[in-house]
Amino acid sequence: KYTEFSILYYWINSLGQNTVIYRRSEKISIPSGKENETAALSYDHRIVPLGSNFSTGTYYCEVRWNDIQKMGKGVFVLARDTGYRETPYEWAVLITLTTFLAALSITATVLLLWKRK
């Protein structure tokens, strides 16, 4: 009864609409002597862009047998248009130079005030 099942990966967007990403059917064989035992099988699936920038939502995995459905807890994914970008080199140089000049200015001010006393 439980050797044939289907696996679905889908996401629910902010409007509550379901979109099936991937579906596959499985038929496994049970080795002799392993009948009536619980088994755990792993199935990996890589999420790829859905063809738009509107991929933000909760992603789920669901397994369906003839009369039973089991759904995972879901994973929320926040998709952005550009993703993470490194700080441009010019900004890193500007920040470093500004920090150096500020430290030099503070040091010169302290030395002038100390010498004045």
PDB file of N, CA and C in Angstrom:
ATOM      1  N   LYS A   1       0.821  -1.209   0.000  1.00  0.00           N
ATOM      2  CA  LYS A   1       0.000   0.000   0.000  1.00  0.00           C
ATOM      3  C   LYS A   1       0.860   1.267   0.000  1.00  0.00           C
ATOM      4  N   TYR A   2       1.992   1.233   0.717  1.00  0.00           N
ATOM      5  CA  TYR A   2       2.798   2.443   0.866  1.00  0.00           C
ATOM      6  C   TYR A   2       4.036   2.454  -0.026  1.00  0.00           C
ATOM      7  N   THR A   3       4.121   1.547  -0.960  1.00  0.00           N
ATOM      8  CA  THR A   3       5.294   1.509  -1.831  1.00  0.00           C
ATOM      9  C   THR A   3       5.154   2.441  -3.024  1.00  0.00           C
ATOM     10  N   GLU A   4       3.953   2.903  -3.304  1.00  0.00           N
ATOM     11  CA  GLU A   4       3.729   3.860  -4.390  1.00  0.00           C
ATOM     12  C   GLU A   4       3.253   5.176  -3.789  1.00  0.00           C
ATOM     13  N   PHE A   5       3.969   6.237  -4.108  1.00  0.00           N
ATOM     14  CA  PHE A   5       3.614   7.556  -3.582  1.00  0.00           C
ATOM     15  C   PHE A   5       4.129   8.625  -4.526  1.00  0.00           C
ATOM     16  N   SER A   6       3.666   9.834  -4.314  1.00  0.00           N
ATOM     17  CA  SER A   6       4.151  10.961  -5.117  1.00  0.00           C
ATOM     18  C   SER A   6       4.686  12.042  -4.188  1.00  0.00           C
ATOM     19  N   ILE A   7       5.690  12.760  -4.685  1.00  0.00           N
ATOM     20  CA  ILE A   7       6.331  13.841  -3.940  1.00  0.00           C
ATOM     21  C   ILE A   7       6.067  15.137  -4.694  1.00  0.00           C
ATOM     22  N   LEU A   8       5.618  16.145  -3.974  1.00  0.00           N
ATOM     23  CA  LEU A   8       5.354  17.454  -4.579  1.00  0.00           C
ATOM     24  C   LEU A   8       6.144  18.522  -3.839  1.00  0.00           C
ATOM     25  N   TYR A   9       6.724  19.435  -4.591  1.00  0.00           N
ATOM     26  CA  TYR A   9       7.340  20.634  -4.032  1.00  0.00           C
ATOM     27  C   TYR A   9       6.540  21.812  -4.571  1.00  0.00           C
ATOM     28  N   TYR A  10       6.084  22.673  -3.684  1.00  0.00           N
ATOM     29  CA  TYR A  10       5.309  23.821  -4.139  1.00  0.00           C
ATOM     30  C   TYR A  10       5.535  24.992  -3.198  1.00  0.00           C
ATOM     31  N   TRP A  11       5.090  26.149  -3.620  1.00  0.00           N
ATOM     32  CA  TRP A  11       5.209  27.335  -2.785  1.00  0.00           C
ATOM     33  C   TRP A  11       3.880  28.044  -2.730  1.00  0.00           C
ATOM     34  N   ILE A  12       3.684  28.765  -1.630  1.00  0.00           N
ATOM     35  CA  ILE A  12       2.478  29.561  -1.429  1.00  0.00           C
ATOM     36  C   ILE A  12       2.923  31.013  -1.346  1.00  0.00           C
ATOM     37  N   ASN A  13       2.408  31.850  -2.237  1.00  0.00           N
ATOM     38  CA  ASN A  13       2.815  33.249  -2.255  1.00  0.00           C
ATOM     39  C   ASN A  13       2.046  34.054  -1.213  1.00  0.00           C
ATOM     40  N   SER A  14       2.268  35.358  -1.175  1.00  0.00           N
ATOM     41  CA  SER A  14       1.644  36.212  -0.161  1.00  0.00           C
ATOM     42  C   SER A  14       0.136  36.303  -0.318  1.00  0.00           C
ATOM     43  N   LEU A  15      -0.390  35.936  -1.481  1.00  0.00           N
ATOM     44  CA  LEU A  15      -1.841  35.947  -1.702  1.00  0.00           C
ATOM     45  C   LEU A  15      -2.483  34.607  -1.358  1.00  0.00           C
ATOM     46  N   GLY A  16      -1.666  33.633  -0.916  1.00  0.00           N
ATOM     47  CA  GLY A  16      -2.184  32.323  -0.559  1.00  0.00           C
ATOM     48  C   GLY A  16      -2.368  31.379  -1.740  1.00  0.00           C
ATOM     49  N   GLN A  17      -1.795  31.724  -2.883  1.00  0.00           N
ATOM     50  CA  GLN A  17      -1.936  30.888  -4.078  1.00  0.00           C
ATOM     51  C   GLN A  17      -0.824  29.845  -4.124  1.00  0.00           C
ATOM     52  N   ASN A  18      -1.185  28.597  -4.440  1.00  0.00           N
ATOM     53  CA  ASN A  18      -0.209  27.506  -4.553  1.00  0.00           C
ATOM     54  C   ASN A  18       0.328  27.424  -5.970  1.00  0.00           C
ATOM     55  N   THR A  19       1.635  27.177  -6.081  1.00  0.00           N
ATOM     56  CA  THR A  19       2.264  26.929  -7.371  1.00  0.00           C
ATOM     57  C   THR A  19       3.121  25.684  -7.234  1.00  0.00           C
ATOM     58  N   VAL A  20       2.787  24.626  -7.976  1.00  0.00           N
ATOM     59  CA  VAL A  20       3.579  23.399  -7.929  1.00  0.00           C
ATOM     60  C   VAL A  20       4.863  23.628  -8.717  1.00  0.00           C
ATOM     61  N   ILE A  21       5.988  23.353  -8.083  1.00  0.00           N
ATOM     62  CA  ILE A  21       7.294  23.543  -8.701  1.00  0.00           C
ATOM     63  C   ILE A  21       7.773  22.241  -9.337  1.00  0.00           C
ATOM     64  N   TYR A  22       7.549  21.145  -8.645  1.00  0.00           N
ATOM     65  CA  TYR A  22       8.087  19.867  -9.092  1.00  0.00           C
ATOM     66  C   TYR A  22       7.197  18.754  -8.545  1.00  0.00           C
ATOM     67  N   ARG A  23       7.001  17.729  -9.351  1.00  0.00           N
ATOM     68  CA  ARG A  23       6.200  16.578  -8.935  1.00  0.00           C
ATOM     69  C   ARG A  23       6.856  15.318  -9.495  1.00  0.00           C
ATOM     70  N   ARG A  24       6.922  14.299  -8.677  1.00  0.00           N
ATOM     71  CA  ARG A  24       7.456  13.034  -9.156  1.00  0.00           C
ATOM     72  C   ARG A  24       6.763  11.882  -8.449  1.00  0.00           C
ATOM     73  N   SER A  25       6.623  10.783  -9.148  1.00  0.00           N
ATOM     74  CA  SER A  25       6.021   9.579  -8.584  1.00  0.00           C
ATOM     75  C   SER A  25       7.111   8.573  -8.287  1.00  0.00           C
ATOM     76  N   GLU A  26       6.939   7.858  -7.198  1.00  0.00           N
ATOM     77  CA  GLU A  26       7.923   6.855  -6.784  1.00  0.00           C
ATOM     78  C   GLU A  26       7.240   5.513  -6.565  1.00  0.00           C
ATOM     79  N   LYS A  27       7.952   4.479  -6.892  1.00  0.00           N
ATOM     80  CA  LYS A  27       7.517   3.122  -6.584  1.00  0.00           C
ATOM     81  C   LYS A  27       8.759   2.398  -6.086  1.00  0.00           C
ATOM     82  N   ILE A  28       8.764   2.085  -4.799  1.00  0.00           N
ATOM     83  CA  ILE A  28       9.932   1.451  -4.208  1.00  0.00           C
ATOM     84  C   ILE A  28       9.637  -0.013  -3.925  1.00  0.00           C
ATOM     85  N   SER A  29      10.688  -0.786  -3.909  1.00  0.00           N
ATOM     86  CA  SER A  29      10.530  -2.201  -3.567  1.00  0.00           C
ATOM     87  C   SER A  29      11.004  -2.408  -2.133  1.00  0.00           C
ATOM     88  N   ILE A  30      10.328  -3.291  -1.437  1.00  0.00           N
ATOM     89  CA  ILE A  30      10.675  -3.583  -0.047  1.00  0.00           C
ATOM     90  C   ILE A  30      11.517  -4.857  -0.021  1.00  0.00           C
ATOM     91  N   PRO A  31      12.725  -4.759   0.540  1.00  0.00           N
ATOM     92  CA  PRO A  31      13.574  -5.954   0.614  1.00  0.00           C
ATOM     93  C   PRO A  31      12.925  -7.037   1.485  1.00  0.00           C
ATOM     94  N   SER A  32      13.228  -8.248   1.173  1.00  0.00           N
ATOM     95  CA  SER A  32      12.695  -9.372   1.932  1.00  0.00           C
ATOM     96  C   SER A  32      13.116  -9.262   3.395  1.00  0.00           C
ATOM     97  N   GLY A  33      12.170  -9.467   4.294  1.00  0.00           N
ATOM     98  CA  GLY A  33      12.442  -9.381   5.728  1.00  0.00           C
ATOM     99  C   GLY A  33      12.273  -7.982   6.287  1.00  0.00           C
ATOM    100  N   LYS A  34      12.009  -6.970   5.447  1.00  0.00           N
ATOM    101  CA  LYS A  34      11.845  -5.582   5.903  1.00  0.00           C
ATOM    102  C   LYS A  34      10.386  -5.132   5.854  1.00  0.00           C
ATOM    103  N   GLU A  35       9.474  -6.052   5.589  1.00  0.00           N
ATOM    104  CA  GLU A  35       8.061  -5.696   5.555  1.00  0.00           C
ATOM    105  C   GLU A  35       7.615  -5.252   6.940  1.00  0.00           C
ATOM    106  N   ASN A  36       6.626  -4.374   6.990  1.00  0.00           N
ATOM    107  CA  ASN A  36       6.037  -3.871   8.241  1.00  0.00           C
ATOM    108  C   ASN A  36       7.049  -3.148   9.125  1.00  0.00           C
ATOM    109  N   GLU A  37       8.076  -2.557   8.538  1.00  0.00           N
ATOM    110  CA  GLU A  37       9.037  -1.743   9.274  1.00  0.00           C
ATOM    111  C   GLU A  37       8.988  -0.323   8.746  1.00  0.00           C
ATOM    112  N   THR A  38       9.273   0.628   9.610  1.00  0.00           N
ATOM    113  CA  THR A  38       9.309   2.024   9.206  1.00  0.00           C
ATOM    114  C   THR A  38      10.622   2.299   8.482  1.00  0.00           C
ATOM    115  N   ALA A  39      10.539   3.030   7.397  1.00  0.00           N
ATOM    116  CA  ALA A  39      11.733   3.386   6.630  1.00  0.00           C
ATOM    117  C   ALA A  39      11.729   4.890   6.378  1.00  0.00           C
ATOM    118  N   ALA A  40      12.890   5.470   6.330  1.00  0.00           N
ATOM    119  CA  ALA A  40      13.039   6.893   6.013  1.00  0.00           C
ATOM    120  C   ALA A  40      13.894   7.021   4.763  1.00  0.00           C
ATOM    121  N   LEU A  41      13.381   7.730   3.787  1.00  0.00           N
ATOM    122  CA  LEU A  41      14.114   7.957   2.547  1.00  0.00           C
ATOM    123  C   LEU A  41      14.309   9.455   2.364  1.00  0.00           C
ATOM    124  N   SER A  42      15.454   9.848   1.844  1.00  0.00           N
ATOM    125  CA  SER A  42      15.735  11.260   1.592  1.00  0.00           C
ATOM    126  C   SER A  42      15.621  11.557   0.108  1.00  0.00           C
ATOM    127  N   TYR A  43      15.008  12.686  -0.209  1.00  0.00           N
ATOM    128  CA  TYR A  43      14.906  13.158  -1.579  1.00  0.00           C
ATOM    129  C   TYR A  43      15.294  14.622  -1.585  1.00  0.00           C
ATOM    130  N   ASP A  44      16.284  14.971  -2.379  1.00  0.00           N
ATOM    131  CA  ASP A  44      16.742  16.361  -2.471  1.00  0.00           C
ATOM    132  C   ASP A  44      16.101  17.042  -3.657  1.00  0.00           C
ATOM    133  N   HIS A  45      15.883  18.324  -3.498  1.00  0.00           N
ATOM    134  CA  HIS A  45      15.384  19.131  -4.611  1.00  0.00           C
ATOM    135  C   HIS A  45      15.980  20.522  -4.488  1.00  0.00           C
ATOM    136  N   ARG A  46      16.525  21.024  -5.576  1.00  0.00           N
ATOM    137  CA  ARG A  46      17.117  22.363  -5.597  1.00  0.00           C
ATOM    138  C   ARG A  46      16.076  23.337  -6.125  1.00  0.00           C
ATOM    139  N   ILE A  47      15.884  24.415  -5.376  1.00  0.00           N
ATOM    140  CA  ILE A  47      14.936  25.440  -5.800  1.00  0.00           C
ATOM    141  C   ILE A  47      15.640  26.358  -6.788  1.00  0.00           C
ATOM    142  N   VAL A  48      15.057  26.525  -7.942  1.00  0.00           N
ATOM    143  CA  VAL A  48      15.593  27.421  -8.962  1.00  0.00           C
ATOM    144  C   VAL A  48      14.610  28.563  -9.146  1.00  0.00           C
ATOM    145  N   PRO A  49      15.058  29.685  -9.704  1.00  0.00           N
ATOM    146  CA  PRO A  49      14.133  30.800  -9.915  1.00  0.00           C
ATOM    147  C   PRO A  49      12.920  30.370 -10.727  1.00  0.00           C
ATOM    148  N   LEU A  50      11.783  30.920 -10.367  1.00  0.00           N
ATOM    149  CA  LEU A  50      10.535  30.543 -11.014  1.00  0.00           C
ATOM    150  C   LEU A  50      10.257  31.339 -12.279  1.00  0.00           C
ATOM    151  N   GLY A  51      11.218  32.076 -12.766  1.00  0.00           N
ATOM    152  CA  GLY A  51      11.026  32.829 -14.001  1.00  0.00           C
ATOM    153  C   GLY A  51      10.560  34.247 -13.761  1.00  0.00           C
ATOM    154  N   SER A  52      10.433  34.638 -12.515  1.00  0.00           N
ATOM    155  CA  SER A  52      10.050  36.010 -12.202  1.00  0.00           C
ATOM    156  C   SER A  52      10.721  36.392 -10.890  1.00  0.00           C
ATOM    157  N   ASN A  53      10.616  37.656 -10.553  1.00  0.00           N
ATOM    158  CA  ASN A  53      11.187  38.137  -9.305  1.00  0.00           C
ATOM    159  C   ASN A  53      10.239  37.914  -8.138  1.00  0.00           C
ATOM    160  N   PHE A  54       9.102  37.324  -8.392  1.00  0.00           N
ATOM    161  CA  PHE A  54       8.099  37.149  -7.363  1.00  0.00           C
ATOM    162  C   PHE A  54       8.161  35.736  -6.787  1.00  0.00           C
ATOM    163  N   SER A  55       9.344  35.307  -6.373  1.00  0.00           N
ATOM    164  CA  SER A  55       9.533  33.970  -5.825  1.00  0.00           C
ATOM    165  C   SER A  55       9.470  33.958  -4.308  1.00  0.00           C
ATOM    166  N   THR A  56       9.210  35.100  -3.688  1.00  0.00           N
ATOM    167  CA  THR A  56       9.108  35.158  -2.239  1.00  0.00           C
ATOM    168  C   THR A  56       7.868  34.413  -1.783  1.00  0.00           C
ATOM    169  N   GLY A  57       8.037  33.599  -0.773  1.00  0.00           N
ATOM    170  CA  GLY A  57       6.916  32.859  -0.225  1.00  0.00           C
ATOM    171  C   GLY A  57       7.405  31.697   0.604  1.00  0.00           C
ATOM    172  N   THR A  58       6.484  30.851   1.028  1.00  0.00           N
ATOM    173  CA  THR A  58       6.820  29.682   1.822  1.00  0.00           C
ATOM    174  C   THR A  58       6.817  28.454   0.920  1.00  0.00           C
ATOM    175  N   TYR A  59       7.915  27.704   0.948  1.00  0.00           N
ATOM    176  CA  TYR A  59       8.078  26.525   0.113  1.00  0.00           C
ATOM    177  C   TYR A  59       7.801  25.272   0.949  1.00  0.00           C
ATOM    178  N   TYR A  60       7.073  24.331   0.364  1.00  0.00           N
ATOM    179  CA  TYR A  60       6.675  23.118   1.066  1.00  0.00           C
ATOM    180  C   TYR A  60       7.031  21.871   0.268  1.00  0.00           C
ATOM    181  N   CYS A  61       7.147  20.783   0.994  1.00  0.00           N
ATOM    182  CA  CYS A  61       7.275  19.453   0.400  1.00  0.00           C
ATOM    183  C   CYS A  61       6.097  18.649   0.925  1.00  0.00           C
ATOM    184  N   GLU A  62       5.479  17.882   0.048  1.00  0.00           N
ATOM    185  CA  GLU A  62       4.332  17.071   0.446  1.00  0.00           C
ATOM    186  C   GLU A  62       4.470  15.678  -0.174  1.00  0.00           C
ATOM    187  N   VAL A  63       4.111  14.669   0.599  1.00  0.00           N
ATOM    188  CA  VAL A  63       4.114  13.289   0.115  1.00  0.00           C
ATOM    189  C   VAL A  63       2.678  12.795   0.154  1.00  0.00           C
ATOM    190  N   ARG A  64       2.256  12.148  -0.941  1.00  0.00           N
ATOM    191  CA  ARG A  64       0.890  11.642  -1.040  1.00  0.00           C
ATOM    192  C   ARG A  64       0.888  10.149  -1.331  1.00  0.00           C
ATOM    193  N   TRP A  65       0.201   9.407  -0.479  1.00  0.00           N
ATOM    194  CA  TRP A  65      -0.109   8.014  -0.745  1.00  0.00           C
ATOM    195  C   TRP A  65      -1.549   7.980  -1.227  1.00  0.00           C
ATOM    196  N   ASN A  66      -2.115   6.820  -1.389  1.00  0.00           N
ATOM    197  CA  ASN A  66      -3.497   6.711  -1.873  1.00  0.00           C
ATOM    198  C   ASN A  66      -4.473   7.551  -1.062  1.00  0.00           C
ATOM    199  N   ASP A  67      -4.453   7.396   0.240  1.00  0.00           N
ATOM    200  CA  ASP A  67      -5.440   8.072   1.078  1.00  0.00           C
ATOM    201  C   ASP A  67      -4.822   8.954   2.156  1.00  0.00           C
ATOM    202  N   ILE A  68      -3.510   9.150   2.112  1.00  0.00           N
ATOM    203  CA  ILE A  68      -2.810   9.916   3.146  1.00  0.00           C
ATOM    204  C   ILE A  68      -1.969  11.004   2.495  1.00  0.00           C
ATOM    205  N   GLN A  69      -1.950  12.189   3.145  1.00  0.00           N
ATOM    206  CA  GLN A  69      -1.086  13.284   2.708  1.00  0.00           C
ATOM    207  C   GLN A  69      -0.293  13.775   3.898  1.00  0.00           C
ATOM    208  N   LYS A  70       1.001  13.940   3.737  1.00  0.00           N
ATOM    209  CA  LYS A  70       1.869  14.485   4.784  1.00  0.00           C
ATOM    210  C   LYS A  70       2.624  15.671   4.209  1.00  0.00           C
ATOM    211  N   MET A  71       2.554  16.806   4.917  1.00  0.00           N
ATOM    212  CA  MET A  71       3.172  18.037   4.435  1.00  0.00           C
ATOM    213  C   MET A  71       4.231  18.495   5.431  1.00  0.00           C
ATOM    214  N   GLY A  72       5.337  18.994   4.917  1.00  0.00           N
ATOM    215  CA  GLY A  72       6.396  19.531   5.760  1.00  0.00           C
ATOM    216  C   GLY A  72       5.990  20.865   6.364  1.00  0.00           C
ATOM    217  N   LYS A  73       6.841  21.382   7.268  1.00  0.00           N
ATOM    218  CA  LYS A  73       6.554  22.643   7.960  1.00  0.00           C
ATOM    219  C   LYS A  73       6.727  23.855   7.053  1.00  0.00           C
ATOM    220  N   GLY A  74       7.498  23.714   6.006  1.00  0.00           N
ATOM    221  CA  GLY A  74       7.709  24.821   5.081  1.00  0.00           C
ATOM    222  C   GLY A  74       8.927  25.648   5.437  1.00  0.00           C
ATOM    223  N   VAL A  75       9.472  26.299   4.422  1.00  0.00           N
ATOM    224  CA  VAL A  75      10.624  27.183   4.575  1.00  0.00           C
ATOM    225  C   VAL A  75      10.296  28.495   3.889  1.00  0.00           C
ATOM    226  N   PHE A  76      10.388  29.601   4.619  1.00  0.00           N
ATOM    227  CA  PHE A  76      10.116  30.907   4.016  1.00  0.00           C
ATOM    228  C   PHE A  76      11.365  31.403   3.309  1.00  0.00           C
ATOM    229  N   VAL A  77      11.200  31.843   2.077  1.00  0.00           N
ATOM    230  CA  VAL A  77      12.310  32.366   1.274  1.00  0.00           C
ATOM    231  C   VAL A  77      11.957  33.776   0.836  1.00  0.00           C
ATOM    232  N   LEU A  78      12.860  34.714   1.113  1.00  0.00           N
ATOM    233  CA  LEU A  78      12.694  36.097   0.664  1.00  0.00           C
ATOM    234  C   LEU A  78      13.604  36.287  -0.542  1.00  0.00           C
ATOM    235  N   ALA A  79      13.008  36.428  -1.707  1.00  0.00           N
ATOM    236  CA  ALA A  79      13.783  36.574  -2.947  1.00  0.00           C
ATOM    237  C   ALA A  79      13.888  38.058  -3.296  1.00  0.00           C
ATOM    238  N   ARG A  80      15.083  38.470  -3.657  1.00  0.00           N
ATOM    239  CA  ARG A  80      15.312  39.857  -4.066  1.00  0.00           C
ATOM    240  C   ARG A  80      15.798  39.879  -5.499  1.00  0.00           C
ATOM    241  N   ASP A  81      15.605  41.006  -6.121  1.00  0.00           N
ATOM    242  CA  ASP A  81      15.952  41.139  -7.532  1.00  0.00           C
ATOM    243  C   ASP A  81      17.446  41.001  -7.778  1.00  0.00           C
ATOM    244  N   THR A  82      18.273  41.670  -6.980  1.00  0.00           N
ATOM    245  CA  THR A  82      19.710  41.685  -7.252  1.00  0.00           C
ATOM    246  C   THR A  82      20.494  40.787  -6.323  1.00  0.00           C
ATOM    247  N   GLY A  83      19.929  40.421  -5.185  1.00  0.00           N
ATOM    248  CA  GLY A  83      20.652  39.582  -4.244  1.00  0.00           C
ATOM    249  C   GLY A  83      21.744  40.363  -3.529  1.00  0.00           C
ATOM    250  N   TYR A  84      22.683  39.665  -2.965  1.00  0.00           N
ATOM    251  CA  TYR A  84      23.775  40.285  -2.224  1.00  0.00           C
ATOM    252  C   TYR A  84      24.824  40.810  -3.181  1.00  0.00           C
ATOM    253  N   ARG A  85      25.272  42.020  -2.917  1.00  0.00           N
ATOM    254  CA  ARG A  85      26.347  42.603  -3.727  1.00  0.00           C
ATOM    255  C   ARG A  85      27.476  43.048  -2.817  1.00  0.00           C
ATOM    256  N   GLU A  86      28.689  42.779  -3.236  1.00  0.00           N
ATOM    257  CA  GLU A  86      29.863  43.228  -2.491  1.00  0.00           C
ATOM    258  C   GLU A  86      29.934  44.751  -2.517  1.00  0.00           C
ATOM    259  N   THR A  87      30.499  45.326  -1.453  1.00  0.00           N
ATOM    260  CA  THR A  87      30.715  46.761  -1.425  1.00  0.00           C
ATOM    261  C   THR A  87      31.731  47.114  -2.500  1.00  0.00           C
ATOM    262  N   PRO A  88      31.436  48.116  -3.316  1.00  0.00           N
ATOM    263  CA  PRO A  88      32.399  48.483  -4.365  1.00  0.00           C
ATOM    264  C   PRO A  88      33.749  48.878  -3.769  1.00  0.00           C
ATOM    265  N   TYR A  89      34.804  48.597  -4.489  1.00  0.00           N
ATOM    266  CA  TYR A  89      36.167  48.867  -4.036  1.00  0.00           C
ATOM    267  C   TYR A  89      36.363  50.341  -3.706  1.00  0.00           C
ATOM    268  N   GLU A  90      35.771  51.232  -4.495  1.00  0.00           N
ATOM    269  CA  GLU A  90      35.947  52.664  -4.269  1.00  0.00           C
ATOM    270  C   GLU A  90      35.423  53.075  -2.904  1.00  0.00           C
ATOM    271  N   TRP A  91      34.290  52.502  -2.482  1.00  0.00           N
ATOM    272  CA  TRP A  91      33.723  52.837  -1.174  1.00  0.00           C
ATOM    273  C   TRP A  91      34.629  52.349  -0.047  1.00  0.00           C
ATOM    274  N   ALA A  92      35.212  51.174  -0.200  1.00  0.00           N
ATOM    275  CA  ALA A  92      36.113  50.651   0.834  1.00  0.00           C
ATOM    276  C   ALA A  92      37.327  51.566   1.004  1.00  0.00           C
ATOM    277  N   VAL A  93      37.884  52.059  -0.105  1.00  0.00           N
ATOM    278  CA  VAL A  93      39.027  52.981  -0.046  1.00  0.00           C
ATOM    279  C   VAL A  93      38.607  54.297   0.604  1.00  0.00           C
ATOM    280  N   LEU A  94      37.443  54.814   0.240  1.00  0.00           N
ATOM    281  CA  LEU A  94      36.968  56.082   0.807  1.00  0.00           C
ATOM    282  C   LEU A  94      36.741  55.959   2.313  1.00  0.00           C
ATOM    283  N   ILE A  95      36.145  54.881   2.747  1.00  0.00           N
ATOM    284  CA  ILE A  95      35.891  54.687   4.185  1.00  0.00           C
ATOM    285  C   ILE A  95      37.205  54.545   4.942  1.00  0.00           C
ATOM    286  N   THR A  96      38.152  53.805   4.395  1.00  0.00           N
ATOM    287  CA  THR A  96      39.457  53.627   5.039  1.00  0.00           C
ATOM    288  C   THR A  96      40.193  54.958   5.137  1.00  0.00           C
ATOM    289  N   LEU A  97      40.207  55.722   4.064  1.00  0.00           N
ATOM    290  CA  LEU A  97      40.879  57.023   4.054  1.00  0.00           C
ATOM    291  C   LEU A  97      40.227  57.985   5.047  1.00  0.00           C
ATOM    292  N   THR A  98      38.920  58.034   5.090  1.00  0.00           N
ATOM    293  CA  THR A  98      38.205  58.914   6.019  1.00  0.00           C
ATOM    294  C   THR A  98      38.516  58.542   7.465  1.00  0.00           C
ATOM    295  N   THR A  99      38.534  57.250   7.775  1.00  0.00           N
ATOM    296  CA  THR A  99      38.851  56.791   9.135  1.00  0.00           C
ATOM    297  C   THR A  99      40.276  57.166   9.514  1.00  0.00           C
ATOM    298  N   PHE A 100      41.209  56.992   8.587  1.00  0.00           N
ATOM    299  CA  PHE A 100      42.604  57.346   8.848  1.00  0.00           C
ATOM    300  C   PHE A 100      42.759  58.836   9.112  1.00  0.00           C
ATOM    301  N   LEU A 101      42.136  59.661   8.275  1.00  0.00           N
ATOM    302  CA  LEU A 101      42.242  61.114   8.461  1.00  0.00           C
ATOM    303  C   LEU A 101      41.578  61.569   9.755  1.00  0.00           C
ATOM    304  N   ALA A 102      40.479  60.945  10.141  1.00  0.00           N
ATOM    305  CA  ALA A 102      39.821  61.308  11.407  1.00  0.00           C
ATOM    306  C   ALA A 102      40.714  60.958  12.587  1.00  0.00           C
ATOM    307  N   ALA A 103      41.351  59.780  12.554  1.00  0.00           N
ATOM    308  CA  ALA A 103      42.256  59.377  13.638  1.00  0.00           C
ATOM    309  C   ALA A 103      43.460  60.307  13.699  1.00  0.00           C
ATOM    310  N   LEU A 104      44.003  60.687  12.555  1.00  0.00           N
ATOM    311  CA  LEU A 104      45.139  61.610  12.501  1.00  0.00           C
ATOM    312  C   LEU A 104      44.752  62.974  13.052  1.00  0.00           C
ATOM    313  N   SER A 105      43.572  63.448  12.723  1.00  0.00           N
ATOM    314  CA  SER A 105      43.095  64.741  13.206  1.00  0.00           C
ATOM    315  C   SER A 105      42.924  64.739  14.722  1.00  0.00           C
ATOM    316  N   ILE A 106      42.349  63.665  15.250  1.00  0.00           N
ATOM    317  CA  ILE A 106      42.162  63.574  16.703  1.00  0.00           C
ATOM    318  C   ILE A 106      43.506  63.514  17.410  1.00  0.00           C
ATOM    319  N   THR A 107      44.439  62.758  16.864  1.00  0.00           N
ATOM    320  CA  THR A 107      45.780  62.658  17.463  1.00  0.00           C
ATOM    321  C   THR A 107      46.481  64.006  17.446  1.00  0.00           C
ATOM    322  N   ALA A 108      46.413  64.755  16.348  1.00  0.00           N
ATOM    323  CA  ALA A 108      47.053  66.078  16.253  1.00  0.00           C
ATOM    324  C   ALA A 108      46.427  67.052  17.249  1.00  0.00           C
ATOM    325  N   THR A 109      45.108  67.001  17.398  1.00  0.00           N
ATOM    326  CA  THR A 109      44.426  67.890  18.350  1.00  0.00           C
ATOM    327  C   THR A 109      44.861  67.588  19.772  1.00  0.00           C
ATOM    328  N   VAL A 110      44.946  66.322  20.140  1.00  0.00           N
ATOM    329  CA  VAL A 110      45.380  65.928  21.488  1.00  0.00           C
ATOM    330  C   VAL A 110      46.815  66.390  21.730  1.00  0.00           C
ATOM    331  N   LEU A 111      47.708  66.208  20.756  1.00  0.00           N
ATOM    332  CA  LEU A 111      49.105  66.632  20.924  1.00  0.00           C
ATOM    333  C   LEU A 111      49.225  68.148  21.078  1.00  0.00           C
ATOM    334  N   LEU A 112      48.455  68.925  20.312  1.00  0.00           N
ATOM    335  CA  LEU A 112      48.487  70.387  20.424  1.00  0.00           C
ATOM    336  C   LEU A 112      47.990  70.838  21.779  1.00  0.00           C
ATOM    337  N   LEU A 113      46.899  70.229  22.268  1.00  0.00           N
ATOM    338  CA  LEU A 113      46.376  70.606  23.593  1.00  0.00           C
ATOM    339  C   LEU A 113      47.341  70.195  24.705  1.00  0.00           C
ATOM    340  N   TRP A 114      48.021  69.064  24.566  1.00  0.00           N
ATOM    341  CA  TRP A 114      48.967  68.606  25.581  1.00  0.00           C
ATOM    342  C   TRP A 114      50.202  69.521  25.626  1.00  0.00           C
ATOM    343  N   LYS A 115      50.693  69.927  24.444  1.00  0.00           N
ATOM    344  CA  LYS A 115      51.876  70.770  24.375  1.00  0.00           C
ATOM    345  C   LYS A 115      51.564  72.178  24.924  1.00  0.00           C
ATOM    346  N   ARG A 116      50.334  72.617  24.753  1.00  0.00           N
ATOM    347  CA  ARG A 116      49.920  73.945  25.193  1.00  0.00           C
ATOM    348  C   ARG A 116      49.954  74.054  26.716  1.00  0.00           C
ATOM    349  N   LYS A 117      49.641  72.963  27.414  1.00  0.00           N
ATOM    350  CA  LYS A 117      49.651  72.986  28.868  1.00  0.00           C
ATOM    351  C   LYS A 117      51.085  73.005  29.348  1.00  0.00           C
TER     352      LYS A 117
END
